[in-house]
């Protein structure tokens, strides 16, 4: 399963995501695609997110059972701790760029 959540995304990107995925709530898109298609969809998100931000979650063969990627400015930043991906927070008022 593929889940993409967008905040403050341009309408064009939201429409593009709705072509590929089901929007179950405002800004929450769900679907099931191959890794290749998922990467194509995520590339479109990265190119079209503008001033917004997005996160992608998908199954992965690791201890957590999933992987995630972010793009755009957000206080939550992915961190790799001994092979486990966690999320850290920037202090209030500081925005960071997500990592893949």
N, C-alpha and C. Protein backbone atom coordinates (compact mmCIF):
# COMPACT_ATOMS: atom_id res chain seq x y z
N UNK A 1 0.84 -1.18 0.00
CA UNK A 1 0.00 0.00 0.00
C UNK A 1 0.88 1.24 0.00
N UNK A 2 0.43 2.21 -0.70
CA UNK A 2 1.13 3.48 -0.83
C UNK A 2 0.25 4.57 -0.24
N UNK A 3 0.81 5.38 0.65
CA UNK A 3 0.07 6.50 1.23
C UNK A 3 0.90 7.76 1.03
N UNK A 4 0.28 8.78 0.48
CA UNK A 4 0.93 10.09 0.33
C UNK A 4 0.03 11.12 1.00
N UNK A 5 0.63 11.93 1.87
CA UNK A 5 -0.10 13.01 2.54
C UNK A 5 0.55 14.32 2.11
N UNK A 6 -0.27 15.24 1.64
CA UNK A 6 0.24 16.55 1.22
C UNK A 6 -0.43 17.64 2.04
N UNK A 7 0.33 18.71 2.31
CA UNK A 7 -0.19 19.91 2.97
C UNK A 7 0.17 21.10 2.11
N UNK A 8 -0.79 21.99 1.95
CA UNK A 8 -0.58 23.22 1.20
C UNK A 8 -0.06 22.93 -0.22
N UNK A 9 -0.56 21.87 -0.82
CA UNK A 9 -0.13 21.49 -2.17
C UNK A 9 -0.93 22.27 -3.21
N UNK A 10 -0.30 22.63 -4.31
CA UNK A 10 -1.01 23.32 -5.38
C UNK A 10 -2.14 22.43 -5.94
N UNK A 11 -3.24 23.04 -6.36
CA UNK A 11 -4.36 22.26 -6.91
C UNK A 11 -3.95 21.36 -8.07
N UNK A 12 -3.01 21.81 -8.85
CA UNK A 12 -2.55 21.00 -9.98
C UNK A 12 -1.97 19.65 -9.50
N UNK A 13 -1.16 19.71 -8.44
CA UNK A 13 -0.58 18.47 -7.91
C UNK A 13 -1.66 17.59 -7.30
N UNK A 14 -2.58 18.20 -6.58
CA UNK A 14 -3.67 17.41 -5.97
C UNK A 14 -4.48 16.69 -7.04
N UNK A 15 -4.75 17.39 -8.13
CA UNK A 15 -5.46 16.76 -9.23
C UNK A 15 -4.67 15.63 -9.87
N UNK A 16 -3.37 15.86 -9.98
CA UNK A 16 -2.49 14.84 -10.55
C UNK A 16 -2.48 13.59 -9.68
N UNK A 17 -2.41 13.78 -8.37
CA UNK A 17 -2.43 12.63 -7.45
C UNK A 17 -3.76 11.89 -7.51
N UNK A 18 -4.84 12.64 -7.69
CA UNK A 18 -6.17 12.02 -7.74
C UNK A 18 -6.33 11.13 -8.98
N UNK A 19 -5.52 11.36 -10.00
CA UNK A 19 -5.55 10.50 -11.18
C UNK A 19 -5.04 9.10 -10.82
N UNK A 20 -4.02 9.05 -9.98
CA UNK A 20 -3.35 7.78 -9.66
C UNK A 20 -3.86 7.14 -8.37
N UNK A 21 -4.26 7.96 -7.42
CA UNK A 21 -4.56 7.46 -6.08
C UNK A 21 -5.95 7.90 -5.65
N UNK A 22 -6.49 7.23 -4.64
CA UNK A 22 -7.79 7.60 -4.08
C UNK A 22 -7.57 8.58 -2.94
N UNK A 23 -8.25 9.73 -3.00
CA UNK A 23 -8.13 10.73 -1.94
C UNK A 23 -9.17 10.40 -0.87
N UNK A 24 -8.73 9.74 0.22
CA UNK A 24 -9.66 9.29 1.25
C UNK A 24 -10.03 10.39 2.23
N UNK A 25 -9.20 11.38 2.37
CA UNK A 25 -9.45 12.60 3.14
C UNK A 25 -8.72 13.71 2.42
N UNK A 26 -9.01 14.93 2.80
CA UNK A 26 -8.33 16.05 2.15
C UNK A 26 -6.82 15.91 2.29
N UNK A 27 -6.13 15.75 1.20
CA UNK A 27 -4.68 15.68 1.20
C UNK A 27 -4.10 14.31 1.52
N UNK A 28 -4.94 13.29 1.70
CA UNK A 28 -4.47 11.93 2.01
C UNK A 28 -4.82 11.02 0.83
N UNK A 29 -3.80 10.50 0.16
CA UNK A 29 -3.98 9.69 -1.05
C UNK A 29 -3.47 8.28 -0.80
N UNK A 30 -4.25 7.30 -1.23
CA UNK A 30 -3.94 5.89 -0.98
C UNK A 30 -4.02 5.12 -2.29
N UNK A 31 -3.12 4.16 -2.45
CA UNK A 31 -3.16 3.30 -3.63
C UNK A 31 -2.20 2.14 -3.47
N UNK A 32 -2.16 1.32 -4.49
CA UNK A 32 -1.27 0.16 -4.47
C UNK A 32 -0.62 0.04 -5.84
N UNK A 33 0.67 0.30 -5.88
CA UNK A 33 1.39 0.30 -7.15
C UNK A 33 2.75 -0.35 -6.97
N UNK A 34 3.38 -0.65 -8.10
CA UNK A 34 4.73 -1.20 -8.09
C UNK A 34 5.71 -0.11 -7.64
N UNK A 35 6.92 -0.54 -7.31
CA UNK A 35 7.94 0.42 -6.88
C UNK A 35 8.22 1.42 -7.99
N UNK A 36 8.28 0.97 -9.21
CA UNK A 36 8.56 1.86 -10.34
C UNK A 36 7.49 2.93 -10.48
N UNK A 37 6.23 2.54 -10.39
CA UNK A 37 5.14 3.52 -10.49
C UNK A 37 5.15 4.45 -9.29
N UNK A 38 5.43 3.89 -8.10
CA UNK A 38 5.50 4.72 -6.89
C UNK A 38 6.57 5.79 -7.03
N UNK A 39 7.72 5.40 -7.56
CA UNK A 39 8.80 6.38 -7.75
C UNK A 39 8.40 7.46 -8.76
N UNK A 40 7.66 7.08 -9.79
CA UNK A 40 7.20 8.05 -10.77
C UNK A 40 6.23 9.04 -10.13
N UNK A 41 5.31 8.53 -9.31
CA UNK A 41 4.34 9.39 -8.63
C UNK A 41 5.06 10.32 -7.66
N UNK A 42 6.02 9.80 -6.91
CA UNK A 42 6.74 10.61 -5.93
C UNK A 42 7.57 11.69 -6.61
N UNK A 43 8.13 11.38 -7.75
CA UNK A 43 8.89 12.38 -8.51
C UNK A 43 7.98 13.55 -8.90
N UNK A 44 6.75 13.24 -9.28
CA UNK A 44 5.80 14.30 -9.63
C UNK A 44 5.46 15.15 -8.40
N UNK A 45 5.37 14.49 -7.23
CA UNK A 45 5.11 15.24 -6.00
C UNK A 45 6.27 16.18 -5.71
N UNK A 46 7.50 15.66 -5.80
CA UNK A 46 8.67 16.49 -5.52
C UNK A 46 8.77 17.69 -6.46
N UNK A 47 8.43 17.47 -7.72
CA UNK A 47 8.52 18.55 -8.70
C UNK A 47 7.38 19.56 -8.56
N UNK A 48 6.22 19.13 -8.04
CA UNK A 48 5.06 20.02 -8.03
C UNK A 48 4.63 20.52 -6.67
N UNK A 49 5.37 20.19 -5.59
CA UNK A 49 4.90 20.52 -4.25
C UNK A 49 4.94 22.02 -3.96
N UNK A 50 5.77 22.76 -4.64
CA UNK A 50 5.82 24.22 -4.44
C UNK A 50 6.15 24.59 -3.01
N UNK A 51 5.31 25.41 -2.38
CA UNK A 51 5.54 25.87 -1.00
C UNK A 51 5.00 24.88 0.03
N UNK A 52 4.37 23.82 -0.40
CA UNK A 52 3.78 22.85 0.53
C UNK A 52 4.78 21.81 0.98
N UNK A 53 4.27 20.76 1.57
CA UNK A 53 5.13 19.65 1.96
C UNK A 53 4.35 18.34 1.81
N UNK A 54 5.10 17.25 1.75
CA UNK A 54 4.47 15.95 1.53
C UNK A 54 5.27 14.85 2.20
N UNK A 55 4.59 13.77 2.50
CA UNK A 55 5.24 12.57 3.02
C UNK A 55 4.67 11.36 2.30
N UNK A 56 5.53 10.42 2.00
CA UNK A 56 5.15 9.16 1.35
C UNK A 56 5.49 8.02 2.29
N UNK A 57 4.59 7.08 2.47
CA UNK A 57 4.84 5.86 3.25
C UNK A 57 4.50 4.66 2.37
N UNK A 58 5.39 3.67 2.40
CA UNK A 58 5.18 2.47 1.58
C UNK A 58 5.83 1.28 2.27
N UNK A 59 5.35 0.08 1.98
CA UNK A 59 5.95 -1.11 2.58
C UNK A 59 7.39 -1.29 2.12
N UNK A 60 8.21 -1.85 3.00
CA UNK A 60 9.62 -2.09 2.66
C UNK A 60 10.11 -3.31 3.43
N UNK A 61 11.07 -4.04 2.85
CA UNK A 61 11.59 -5.23 3.55
C UNK A 61 12.66 -4.85 4.57
N UNK A 62 12.28 -4.13 5.60
CA UNK A 62 13.20 -3.77 6.68
C UNK A 62 12.53 -4.09 8.02
N UNK A 63 13.22 -3.82 9.12
CA UNK A 63 12.67 -4.15 10.44
C UNK A 63 11.36 -3.43 10.74
N UNK A 64 11.24 -2.21 10.25
CA UNK A 64 10.02 -1.44 10.49
C UNK A 64 8.87 -1.91 9.61
N UNK A 65 9.20 -2.50 8.48
CA UNK A 65 8.16 -2.96 7.56
C UNK A 65 7.65 -1.88 6.63
N UNK A 66 8.21 -0.70 6.75
CA UNK A 66 7.80 0.39 5.87
C UNK A 66 8.96 1.36 5.71
N UNK A 67 8.84 2.20 4.70
CA UNK A 67 9.79 3.28 4.50
C UNK A 67 8.99 4.55 4.26
N UNK A 68 9.63 5.67 4.45
CA UNK A 68 8.95 6.92 4.18
C UNK A 68 9.94 7.93 3.63
N UNK A 69 9.39 8.88 2.92
CA UNK A 69 10.18 9.98 2.35
C UNK A 69 9.38 11.26 2.52
N UNK A 70 10.09 12.36 2.61
CA UNK A 70 9.41 13.65 2.75
C UNK A 70 9.98 14.63 1.75
N UNK A 71 9.21 15.65 1.45
CA UNK A 71 9.71 16.76 0.66
C UNK A 71 8.98 18.01 1.10
N UNK A 72 9.62 19.15 0.90
CA UNK A 72 9.05 20.42 1.33
C UNK A 72 9.46 20.75 2.76
N UNK A 73 9.20 21.97 3.15
CA UNK A 73 9.58 22.45 4.48
C UNK A 73 8.60 21.93 5.53
N UNK A 74 9.16 21.36 6.62
CA UNK A 74 8.33 20.85 7.71
C UNK A 74 9.20 20.75 8.95
N UNK A 75 8.58 20.86 10.14
CA UNK A 75 9.33 20.76 11.40
C UNK A 75 9.80 19.34 11.66
N UNK A 76 9.14 18.36 11.09
CA UNK A 76 9.49 16.96 11.31
C UNK A 76 10.51 16.53 10.26
N UNK A 77 11.64 16.06 10.73
CA UNK A 77 12.71 15.64 9.82
C UNK A 77 13.04 14.17 10.04
N UNK A 78 13.11 13.39 8.96
CA UNK A 78 13.51 11.99 9.09
C UNK A 78 14.97 11.88 9.50
N UNK A 79 15.25 10.95 10.41
CA UNK A 79 16.61 10.68 10.87
C UNK A 79 16.85 9.18 10.85
N UNK A 80 18.05 8.79 10.45
CA UNK A 80 18.43 7.38 10.43
C UNK A 80 19.23 7.10 11.70
N UNK A 81 18.68 6.25 12.58
CA UNK A 81 19.35 5.91 13.84
C UNK A 81 19.60 4.41 13.86
N UNK A 82 20.86 4.02 13.63
CA UNK A 82 21.24 2.60 13.63
C UNK A 82 20.36 1.76 12.71
N UNK A 83 20.08 2.29 11.55
CA UNK A 83 19.30 1.56 10.56
C UNK A 83 17.80 1.69 10.71
N UNK A 84 17.35 2.38 11.72
CA UNK A 84 15.92 2.60 11.93
C UNK A 84 15.62 4.06 11.65
N UNK A 85 14.64 4.31 10.83
CA UNK A 85 14.28 5.69 10.51
C UNK A 85 13.31 6.22 11.55
N UNK A 86 13.68 7.33 12.14
CA UNK A 86 12.86 8.00 13.13
C UNK A 86 12.58 9.42 12.66
N UNK A 87 11.83 10.16 13.45
CA UNK A 87 11.48 11.53 13.10
C UNK A 87 11.92 12.44 14.25
N UNK A 88 12.63 13.51 13.93
CA UNK A 88 12.99 14.51 14.93
C UNK A 88 12.25 15.80 14.61
N UNK A 89 12.16 16.66 15.61
CA UNK A 89 11.44 17.92 15.45
C UNK A 89 12.41 19.08 15.57
N UNK A 90 12.23 20.06 14.70
CA UNK A 90 12.96 21.32 14.83
C UNK A 90 12.25 22.17 15.87
N UNK A 91 12.97 23.10 16.53
CA UNK A 91 12.30 24.01 17.45
C UNK A 91 11.21 24.81 16.73
N UNK A 92 10.21 25.24 17.50
CA UNK A 92 9.12 26.03 16.94
C UNK A 92 9.67 27.21 16.17
N UNK A 93 9.17 27.44 14.99
CA UNK A 93 9.60 28.59 14.19
C UNK A 93 10.67 28.26 13.17
N UNK A 94 11.35 27.12 13.30
CA UNK A 94 12.37 26.72 12.33
C UNK A 94 11.78 25.66 11.43
N UNK A 95 11.92 25.85 10.15
CA UNK A 95 11.45 24.87 9.20
C UNK A 95 12.63 24.25 8.49
N UNK A 96 12.56 22.97 8.25
CA UNK A 96 13.63 22.27 7.56
C UNK A 96 13.13 21.61 6.30
N UNK A 97 14.06 21.25 5.48
CA UNK A 97 13.76 20.54 4.24
C UNK A 97 13.83 19.06 4.52
N UNK A 98 12.84 18.31 4.09
CA UNK A 98 12.80 16.88 4.30
C UNK A 98 13.90 16.16 3.55
N UNK A 99 14.19 14.97 4.01
CA UNK A 99 15.21 14.15 3.38
C UNK A 99 14.55 12.92 2.79
N UNK A 100 15.18 12.33 1.89
CA UNK A 100 14.69 11.07 1.35
C UNK A 100 15.36 9.93 2.05
